[in-house]
Amino acid sequence: MATAIEHGVRPWGADRLAPYPTATHRPHTSVALDPDTQLGIFADRVGTVVEMGKHGTAKGTETSTITNSDSAPDQGHDQDSEQD
């Protein structure tokens, strides 16, 4: 069986492609792991620690409910998230 490429047809996903954005220079050259905090430590070319900015953390919860009081399955769920 011949494929679309063999027939000269362009794959549908190819129209969705776009060029990669321009590369950005980052101020660090190495990353190490702090054994106490388990966080990355970023250092520049001469070994000076570079601050890479702050970011928050997020936590999500989901509860599922299933009821079947009338012999017809009924399912629902709630979602909630918390970010700092």
PDB file of N, CA and C in Angstrom:
ATOM      1  N   MET A   1       0.846  -1.180   0.000  1.00  0.00           N
ATOM      2  CA  MET A   1       0.000   0.000   0.000  1.00  0.00           C
ATOM      3  C   MET A   1       0.887   1.238   0.000  1.00  0.00           C
ATOM      4  N   ALA A   2       0.640   2.143  -0.911  1.00  0.00           N
ATOM      5  CA  ALA A   2       1.444   3.347  -1.031  1.00  0.00           C
ATOM      6  C   ALA A   2       0.998   4.397  -0.016  1.00  0.00           C
ATOM      7  N   THR A   3       1.957   5.138   0.496  1.00  0.00           N
ATOM      8  CA  THR A   3       1.642   6.200   1.451  1.00  0.00           C
ATOM      9  C   THR A   3       1.333   7.497   0.721  1.00  0.00           C
ATOM     10  N   ALA A   4       0.805   8.475   1.463  1.00  0.00           N
ATOM     11  CA  ALA A   4       0.471   9.779   0.883  1.00  0.00           C
ATOM     12  C   ALA A   4       1.725  10.472   0.364  1.00  0.00           C
ATOM     13  N   ILE A   5       2.848  10.300   1.058  1.00  0.00           N
ATOM     14  CA  ILE A   5       4.086  10.945   0.630  1.00  0.00           C
ATOM     15  C   ILE A   5       4.533  10.371  -0.720  1.00  0.00           C
ATOM     16  N   GLU A   6       4.377   9.067  -0.888  1.00  0.00           N
ATOM     17  CA  GLU A   6       4.756   8.438  -2.159  1.00  0.00           C
ATOM     18  C   GLU A   6       3.892   8.941  -3.309  1.00  0.00           C
ATOM     19  N   HIS A   7       2.666   9.389  -3.021  1.00  0.00           N
ATOM     20  CA  HIS A   7       1.776   9.943  -4.048  1.00  0.00           C
ATOM     21  C   HIS A   7       1.959  11.442  -4.216  1.00  0.00           C
ATOM     22  N   GLY A   8       2.892  12.035  -3.477  1.00  0.00           N
ATOM     23  CA  GLY A   8       3.142  13.458  -3.598  1.00  0.00           C
ATOM     24  C   GLY A   8       2.156  14.321  -2.824  1.00  0.00           C
ATOM     25  N   VAL A   9       1.366  13.723  -1.936  1.00  0.00           N
ATOM     26  CA  VAL A   9       0.408  14.483  -1.129  1.00  0.00           C
ATOM     27  C   VAL A   9       1.109  14.916   0.156  1.00  0.00           C
ATOM     28  N   ARG A  10       0.972  16.186   0.485  1.00  0.00           N
ATOM     29  CA  ARG A  10       1.607  16.712   1.688  1.00  0.00           C
ATOM     30  C   ARG A  10       0.798  16.286   2.919  1.00  0.00           C
ATOM     31  N   PRO A  11       1.456  15.776   3.990  1.00  0.00           N
ATOM     32  CA  PRO A  11       0.736  15.386   5.208  1.00  0.00           C
ATOM     33  C   PRO A  11      -0.034  16.570   5.802  1.00  0.00           C
ATOM     34  N   TRP A  12      -1.225  16.301   6.342  1.00  0.00           N
ATOM     35  CA  TRP A  12      -2.077  17.377   6.855  1.00  0.00           C
ATOM     36  C   TRP A  12      -1.398  18.178   7.960  1.00  0.00           C
ATOM     37  N   GLY A  13      -0.576  17.570   8.783  1.00  0.00           N
ATOM     38  CA  GLY A  13       0.065  18.274   9.892  1.00  0.00           C
ATOM     39  C   GLY A  13       1.151  19.241   9.457  1.00  0.00           C
ATOM     40  N   ALA A  14       1.661  19.084   8.240  1.00  0.00           N
ATOM     41  CA  ALA A  14       2.739  19.953   7.764  1.00  0.00           C
ATOM     42  C   ALA A  14       2.289  21.409   7.655  1.00  0.00           C
ATOM     43  N   ASP A  15       1.022  21.656   7.402  1.00  0.00           N
ATOM     44  CA  ASP A  15       0.520  23.033   7.306  1.00  0.00           C
ATOM     45  C   ASP A  15       0.481  23.721   8.661  1.00  0.00           C
ATOM     46  N   ARG A  16       0.552  22.945   9.724  1.00  0.00           N
ATOM     47  CA  ARG A  16       0.489  23.520  11.076  1.00  0.00           C
ATOM     48  C   ARG A  16       1.868  23.891  11.603  1.00  0.00           C
ATOM     49  N   LEU A  17       2.917  23.512  10.896  1.00  0.00           N
ATOM     50  CA  LEU A  17       4.273  23.775  11.354  1.00  0.00           C
ATOM     51  C   LEU A  17       4.619  25.252  11.218  1.00  0.00           C
ATOM     52  N   ALA A  18       5.449  25.735  12.124  1.00  0.00           N
ATOM     53  CA  ALA A  18       5.933  27.107  12.073  1.00  0.00           C
ATOM     54  C   ALA A  18       7.413  27.086  12.420  1.00  0.00           C
ATOM     55  N   PRO A  19       8.163  28.092  11.999  1.00  0.00           N
ATOM     56  CA  PRO A  19       9.589  28.125  12.331  1.00  0.00           C
ATOM     57  C   PRO A  19       9.796  28.225  13.844  1.00  0.00           C
ATOM     58  N   TYR A  20      10.887  27.631  14.313  1.00  0.00           N
ATOM     59  CA  TYR A  20      11.235  27.770  15.727  1.00  0.00           C
ATOM     60  C   TYR A  20      11.563  29.221  16.022  1.00  0.00           C
ATOM     61  N   PRO A  21      11.245  29.684  17.248  1.00  0.00           N
ATOM     62  CA  PRO A  21      11.598  31.051  17.607  1.00  0.00           C
ATOM     63  C   PRO A  21      13.122  31.200  17.695  1.00  0.00           C
ATOM     64  N   THR A  22      13.577  32.431  17.617  1.00  0.00           N
ATOM     65  CA  THR A  22      15.003  32.716  17.709  1.00  0.00           C
ATOM     66  C   THR A  22      15.528  32.248  19.062  1.00  0.00           C
ATOM     67  N   ALA A  23      16.688  31.642  19.071  1.00  0.00           N
ATOM     68  CA  ALA A  23      17.297  31.173  20.318  1.00  0.00           C
ATOM     69  C   ALA A  23      17.664  32.353  21.204  1.00  0.00           C
ATOM     70  N   THR A  24      17.564  32.163  22.503  1.00  0.00           N
ATOM     71  CA  THR A  24      17.879  33.204  23.476  1.00  0.00           C
ATOM     72  C   THR A  24      19.077  32.774  24.297  1.00  0.00           C
ATOM     73  N   HIS A  25      20.020  33.676  24.501  1.00  0.00           N
ATOM     74  CA  HIS A  25      21.194  33.385  25.314  1.00  0.00           C
ATOM     75  C   HIS A  25      20.806  33.426  26.790  1.00  0.00           C
ATOM     76  N   ARG A  26      21.138  32.385  27.514  1.00  0.00           N
ATOM     77  CA  ARG A  26      20.883  32.323  28.951  1.00  0.00           C
ATOM     78  C   ARG A  26      22.157  32.662  29.699  1.00  0.00           C
ATOM     79  N   PRO A  27      22.039  33.327  30.861  1.00  0.00           N
ATOM     80  CA  PRO A  27      23.234  33.781  31.574  1.00  0.00           C
ATOM     81  C   PRO A  27      23.971  32.687  32.341  1.00  0.00           C
ATOM     82  N   HIS A  28      23.509  31.457  32.316  1.00  0.00           N
ATOM     83  CA  HIS A  28      24.201  30.406  33.053  1.00  0.00           C
ATOM     84  C   HIS A  28      24.894  29.441  32.094  1.00  0.00           C
ATOM     85  N   THR A  29      25.917  28.785  32.587  1.00  0.00           N
ATOM     86  CA  THR A  29      26.609  27.800  31.763  1.00  0.00           C
ATOM     87  C   THR A  29      26.568  26.420  32.396  1.00  0.00           C
ATOM     88  N   SER A  30      26.184  26.326  33.680  1.00  0.00           N
ATOM     89  CA  SER A  30      26.078  25.016  34.310  1.00  0.00           C
ATOM     90  C   SER A  30      24.987  25.027  35.362  1.00  0.00           C
ATOM     91  N   VAL A  31      24.465  23.859  35.653  1.00  0.00           N
ATOM     92  CA  VAL A  31      23.440  23.703  36.668  1.00  0.00           C
ATOM     93  C   VAL A  31      23.859  22.545  37.569  1.00  0.00           C
ATOM     94  N   ALA A  32      23.771  22.756  38.872  1.00  0.00           N
ATOM     95  CA  ALA A  32      24.071  21.703  39.842  1.00  0.00           C
ATOM     96  C   ALA A  32      22.866  21.573  40.764  1.00  0.00           C
ATOM     97  N   LEU A  33      22.780  20.469  41.474  1.00  0.00           N
ATOM     98  CA  LEU A  33      21.673  20.231  42.388  1.00  0.00           C
ATOM     99  C   LEU A  33      22.144  20.419  43.821  1.00  0.00           C
ATOM    100  N   ASP A  34      21.452  21.300  44.567  1.00  0.00           N
ATOM    101  CA  ASP A  34      21.750  21.486  45.986  1.00  0.00           C
ATOM    102  C   ASP A  34      21.202  20.270  46.732  1.00  0.00           C
ATOM    103  N   PRO A  35      22.068  19.500  47.425  1.00  0.00           N
ATOM    104  CA  PRO A  35      21.588  18.279  48.071  1.00  0.00           C
ATOM    105  C   PRO A  35      20.615  18.524  49.229  1.00  0.00           C
ATOM    106  N   ASP A  36      20.674  19.703  49.846  1.00  0.00           N
ATOM    107  CA  ASP A  36      19.779  19.990  50.972  1.00  0.00           C
ATOM    108  C   ASP A  36      18.392  20.423  50.519  1.00  0.00           C
ATOM    109  N   THR A  37      18.329  21.312  49.528  1.00  0.00           N
ATOM    110  CA  THR A  37      17.038  21.850  49.092  1.00  0.00           C
ATOM    111  C   THR A  37      16.464  21.136  47.875  1.00  0.00           C
ATOM    112  N   GLN A  38      17.307  20.353  47.166  1.00  0.00           N
ATOM    113  CA  GLN A  38      16.910  19.671  45.933  1.00  0.00           C
ATOM    114  C   GLN A  38      16.522  20.657  44.830  1.00  0.00           C
ATOM    115  N   LEU A  39      17.095  21.873  44.884  1.00  0.00           N
ATOM    116  CA  LEU A  39      16.848  22.900  43.875  1.00  0.00           C
ATOM    117  C   LEU A  39      18.079  23.040  42.987  1.00  0.00           C
ATOM    118  N   GLY A  40      17.872  23.498  41.773  1.00  0.00           N
ATOM    119  CA  GLY A  40      18.985  23.732  40.867  1.00  0.00           C
ATOM    120  C   GLY A  40      19.747  24.987  41.237  1.00  0.00           C
ATOM    121  N   ILE A  41      21.067  24.923  41.111  1.00  0.00           N
ATOM    122  CA  ILE A  41      21.937  26.086  41.327  1.00  0.00           C
ATOM    123  C   ILE A  41      22.569  26.395  39.983  1.00  0.00           C
ATOM    124  N   PHE A  42      22.309  27.590  39.460  1.00  0.00           N
ATOM    125  CA  PHE A  42      22.791  27.987  38.154  1.00  0.00           C
ATOM    126  C   PHE A  42      24.055  28.822  38.337  1.00  0.00           C
ATOM    127  N   ALA A  43      25.111  28.537  37.566  1.00  0.00           N
ATOM    128  CA  ALA A  43      26.372  29.268  37.676  1.00  0.00           C
ATOM    129  C   ALA A  43      26.784  29.780  36.303  1.00  0.00           C
ATOM    130  N   ASP A  44      27.467  30.953  36.287  1.00  0.00           N
ATOM    131  CA  ASP A  44      27.962  31.497  35.027  1.00  0.00           C
ATOM    132  C   ASP A  44      29.323  30.901  34.695  1.00  0.00           C
ATOM    133  N   ARG A  45      29.990  31.440  33.672  1.00  0.00           N
ATOM    134  CA  ARG A  45      31.250  30.873  33.187  1.00  0.00           C
ATOM    135  C   ARG A  45      32.357  30.850  34.232  1.00  0.00           C
ATOM    136  N   VAL A  46      32.332  31.798  35.175  1.00  0.00           N
ATOM    137  CA  VAL A  46      33.400  31.850  36.192  1.00  0.00           C
ATOM    138  C   VAL A  46      32.974  31.226  37.512  1.00  0.00           C
ATOM    139  N   GLY A  47      31.786  30.607  37.566  1.00  0.00           N
ATOM    140  CA  GLY A  47      31.342  29.913  38.763  1.00  0.00           C
ATOM    141  C   GLY A  47      30.489  30.729  39.714  1.00  0.00           C
ATOM    142  N   THR A  48      30.166  31.968  39.354  1.00  0.00           N
ATOM    143  CA  THR A  48      29.307  32.809  40.193  1.00  0.00           C
ATOM    144  C   THR A  48      27.862  32.342  40.056  1.00  0.00           C
ATOM    145  N   VAL A  49      27.169  32.190  41.190  1.00  0.00           N
ATOM    146  CA  VAL A  49      25.769  31.758  41.163  1.00  0.00           C
ATOM    147  C   VAL A  49      24.914  32.844  40.526  1.00  0.00           C
ATOM    148  N   VAL A  50      24.055  32.456  39.593  1.00  0.00           N
ATOM    149  CA  VAL A  50      23.186  33.372  38.851  1.00  0.00           C
ATOM    150  C   VAL A  50      21.755  33.123  39.298  1.00  0.00           C
ATOM    151  N   GLU A  51      21.028  34.182  39.665  1.00  0.00           N
ATOM    152  CA  GLU A  51      19.613  34.078  40.041  1.00  0.00           C
ATOM    153  C   GLU A  51      18.793  33.923  38.770  1.00  0.00           C
ATOM    154  N   MET A  52      18.008  32.869  38.708  1.00  0.00           N
ATOM    155  CA  MET A  52      17.212  32.589  37.517  1.00  0.00           C
ATOM    156  C   MET A  52      15.753  33.015  37.674  1.00  0.00           C
ATOM    157  N   GLY A  53      15.450  33.791  38.698  1.00  0.00           N
ATOM    158  CA  GLY A  53      14.092  34.269  38.871  1.00  0.00           C
ATOM    159  C   GLY A  53      13.268  33.337  39.731  1.00  0.00           C
ATOM    160  N   LYS A  54      12.153  33.827  40.170  1.00  0.00           N
ATOM    161  CA  LYS A  54      11.270  33.062  41.054  1.00  0.00           C
ATOM    162  C   LYS A  54      10.101  32.509  40.264  1.00  0.00           C
ATOM    163  N   HIS A  55       9.553  31.445  40.754  1.00  0.00           N
ATOM    164  CA  HIS A  55       8.327  30.908  40.178  1.00  0.00           C
ATOM    165  C   HIS A  55       7.504  30.304  41.303  1.00  0.00           C
ATOM    166  N   GLY A  56       6.233  30.209  41.079  1.00  0.00           N
ATOM    167  CA  GLY A  56       5.338  29.675  42.096  1.00  0.00           C
ATOM    168  C   GLY A  56       5.178  28.172  41.985  1.00  0.00           C
ATOM    169  N   THR A  57       4.451  27.646  42.892  1.00  0.00           N
ATOM    170  CA  THR A  57       4.115  26.229  42.848  1.00  0.00           C
ATOM    171  C   THR A  57       2.604  26.106  42.770  1.00  0.00           C
ATOM    172  N   ALA A  58       2.158  25.011  42.250  1.00  0.00           N
ATOM    173  CA  ALA A  58       0.719  24.800  42.119  1.00  0.00           C
ATOM    174  C   ALA A  58       0.362  23.410  42.604  1.00  0.00           C
ATOM    175  N   LYS A  59      -0.849  23.299  43.123  1.00  0.00           N
ATOM    176  CA  LYS A  59      -1.343  22.015  43.603  1.00  0.00           C
ATOM    177  C   LYS A  59      -2.781  21.869  43.126  1.00  0.00           C
ATOM    178  N   GLY A  60      -3.095  20.742  42.561  1.00  0.00           N
ATOM    179  CA  GLY A  60      -4.455  20.515  42.088  1.00  0.00           C
ATOM    180  C   GLY A  60      -5.074  19.318  42.777  1.00  0.00           C
ATOM    181  N   THR A  61      -6.373  19.394  42.973  1.00  0.00           N
ATOM    182  CA  THR A  61      -7.096  18.265  43.560  1.00  0.00           C
ATOM    183  C   THR A  61      -8.321  17.971  42.711  1.00  0.00           C
ATOM    184  N   GLU A  62      -8.737  16.727  42.718  1.00  0.00           N
ATOM    185  CA  GLU A  62      -9.926  16.337  41.977  1.00  0.00           C
ATOM    186  C   GLU A  62     -10.658  15.275  42.778  1.00  0.00           C
ATOM    187  N   THR A  63     -11.949  15.454  42.892  1.00  0.00           N
ATOM    188  CA  THR A  63     -12.769  14.452  43.571  1.00  0.00           C
ATOM    189  C   THR A  63     -13.754  13.882  42.559  1.00  0.00           C
ATOM    190  N   SER A  64     -13.979  12.603  42.655  1.00  0.00           N
ATOM    191  CA  SER A  64     -14.887  11.929  41.731  1.00  0.00           C
ATOM    192  C   SER A  64     -16.096  11.420  42.507  1.00  0.00           C
ATOM    193  N   THR A  65     -17.270  11.578  41.916  1.00  0.00           N
ATOM    194  CA  THR A  65     -18.491  11.081  42.544  1.00  0.00           C
ATOM    195  C   THR A  65     -19.219  10.170  41.566  1.00  0.00           C
ATOM    196  N   ILE A  66     -19.660   9.043  42.062  1.00  0.00           N
ATOM    197  CA  ILE A  66     -20.451   8.122  41.242  1.00  0.00           C
ATOM    198  C   ILE A  66     -21.687   7.735  42.052  1.00  0.00           C
ATOM    199  N   THR A  67     -22.846   7.943  41.460  1.00  0.00           N
ATOM    200  CA  THR A  67     -24.095   7.548  42.116  1.00  0.00           C
ATOM    201  C   THR A  67     -24.860   6.634  41.179  1.00  0.00           C
ATOM    202  N   ASN A  68     -25.643   5.774  41.759  1.00  0.00           N
ATOM    203  CA  ASN A  68     -26.405   4.836  40.942  1.00  0.00           C
ATOM    204  C   ASN A  68     -27.692   4.462  41.682  1.00  0.00           C
ATOM    205  N   SER A  69     -28.472   5.456  42.069  1.00  0.00           N
ATOM    206  CA  SER A  69     -29.687   5.177  42.842  1.00  0.00           C
ATOM    207  C   SER A  69     -30.849   4.695  41.978  1.00  0.00           C
ATOM    208  N   ASP A  70     -30.824   4.998  40.679  1.00  0.00           N
ATOM    209  CA  ASP A  70     -31.942   4.604  39.817  1.00  0.00           C
ATOM    210  C   ASP A  70     -31.499   3.633  38.711  1.00  0.00           C
ATOM    211  N   SER A  71     -30.441   2.910  38.948  1.00  0.00           N
ATOM    212  CA  SER A  71     -29.896   1.924  38.011  1.00  0.00           C
ATOM    213  C   SER A  71     -29.317   2.551  36.743  1.00  0.00           C
ATOM    214  N   ALA A  72     -29.263   3.868  36.691  1.00  0.00           N
ATOM    215  CA  ALA A  72     -28.619   4.535  35.564  1.00  0.00           C
ATOM    216  C   ALA A  72     -27.313   5.155  36.079  1.00  0.00           C
ATOM    217  N   PRO A  73     -26.179   4.797  35.503  1.00  0.00           N
ATOM    218  CA  PRO A  73     -24.924   5.343  36.004  1.00  0.00           C
ATOM    219  C   PRO A  73     -24.865   6.858  35.853  1.00  0.00           C
ATOM    220  N   ASP A  74     -24.393   7.508  36.882  1.00  0.00           N
ATOM    221  CA  ASP A  74     -24.242   8.962  36.875  1.00  0.00           C
ATOM    222  C   ASP A  74     -22.895   9.273  37.515  1.00  0.00           C
ATOM    223  N   GLN A  75     -22.061   9.955  36.773  1.00  0.00           N
ATOM    224  CA  GLN A  75     -20.732  10.239  37.291  1.00  0.00           C
ATOM    225  C   GLN A  75     -20.425  11.718  37.115  1.00  0.00           C
ATOM    226  N   GLY A  76     -19.748  12.285  38.090  1.00  0.00           N
ATOM    227  CA  GLY A  76     -19.325  13.674  38.022  1.00  0.00           C
ATOM    228  C   GLY A  76     -18.010  13.836  38.750  1.00  0.00           C
ATOM    229  N   HIS A  77     -17.427  15.017  38.650  1.00  0.00           N
ATOM    230  CA  HIS A  77     -16.205  15.288  39.389  1.00  0.00           C
ATOM    231  C   HIS A  77     -16.044  16.790  39.579  1.00  0.00           C
ATOM    232  N   ASP A  78     -15.283  17.142  40.598  1.00  0.00           N
ATOM    233  CA  ASP A  78     -14.956  18.535  40.893  1.00  0.00           C
ATOM    234  C   ASP A  78     -13.452  18.692  40.789  1.00  0.00           C
ATOM    235  N   GLN A  79     -13.013  19.830  40.274  1.00  0.00           N
ATOM    236  CA  GLN A  79     -11.581  20.131  40.217  1.00  0.00           C
ATOM    237  C   GLN A  79     -11.328  21.455  40.903  1.00  0.00           C
ATOM    238  N   ASP A  80     -10.155  21.548  41.498  1.00  0.00           N
ATOM    239  CA  ASP A  80      -9.790  22.781  42.153  1.00  0.00           C
ATOM    240  C   ASP A  80      -8.271  22.910  42.126  1.00  0.00           C
ATOM    241  N   SER A  81      -7.781  24.119  42.066  1.00  0.00           N
ATOM    242  CA  SER A  81      -6.332  24.305  42.056  1.00  0.00           C
ATOM    243  C   SER A  81      -5.965  25.447  42.991  1.00  0.00           C
ATOM    244  N   GLU A  82      -4.733  25.400  43.455  1.00  0.00           N
ATOM    245  CA  GLU A  82      -4.227  26.389  44.390  1.00  0.00           C
ATOM    246  C   GLU A  82      -2.827  26.771  43.938  1.00  0.00           C
ATOM    247  N   GLN A  83      -2.541  28.055  43.808  1.00  0.00           N
ATOM    248  CA  GLN A  83      -1.235  28.486  43.350  1.00  0.00           C
ATOM    249  C   GLN A  83      -0.715  29.583  44.245  1.00  0.00           C
ATOM    250  N   ASP A  84       0.598  29.524  44.517  1.00  0.00           N
ATOM    251  CA  ASP A  84       1.220  30.608  45.301  1.00  0.00           C
ATOM    252  C   ASP A  84       2.348  31.226  44.535  1.00  0.00           C
TER     253      ASP A  84
END
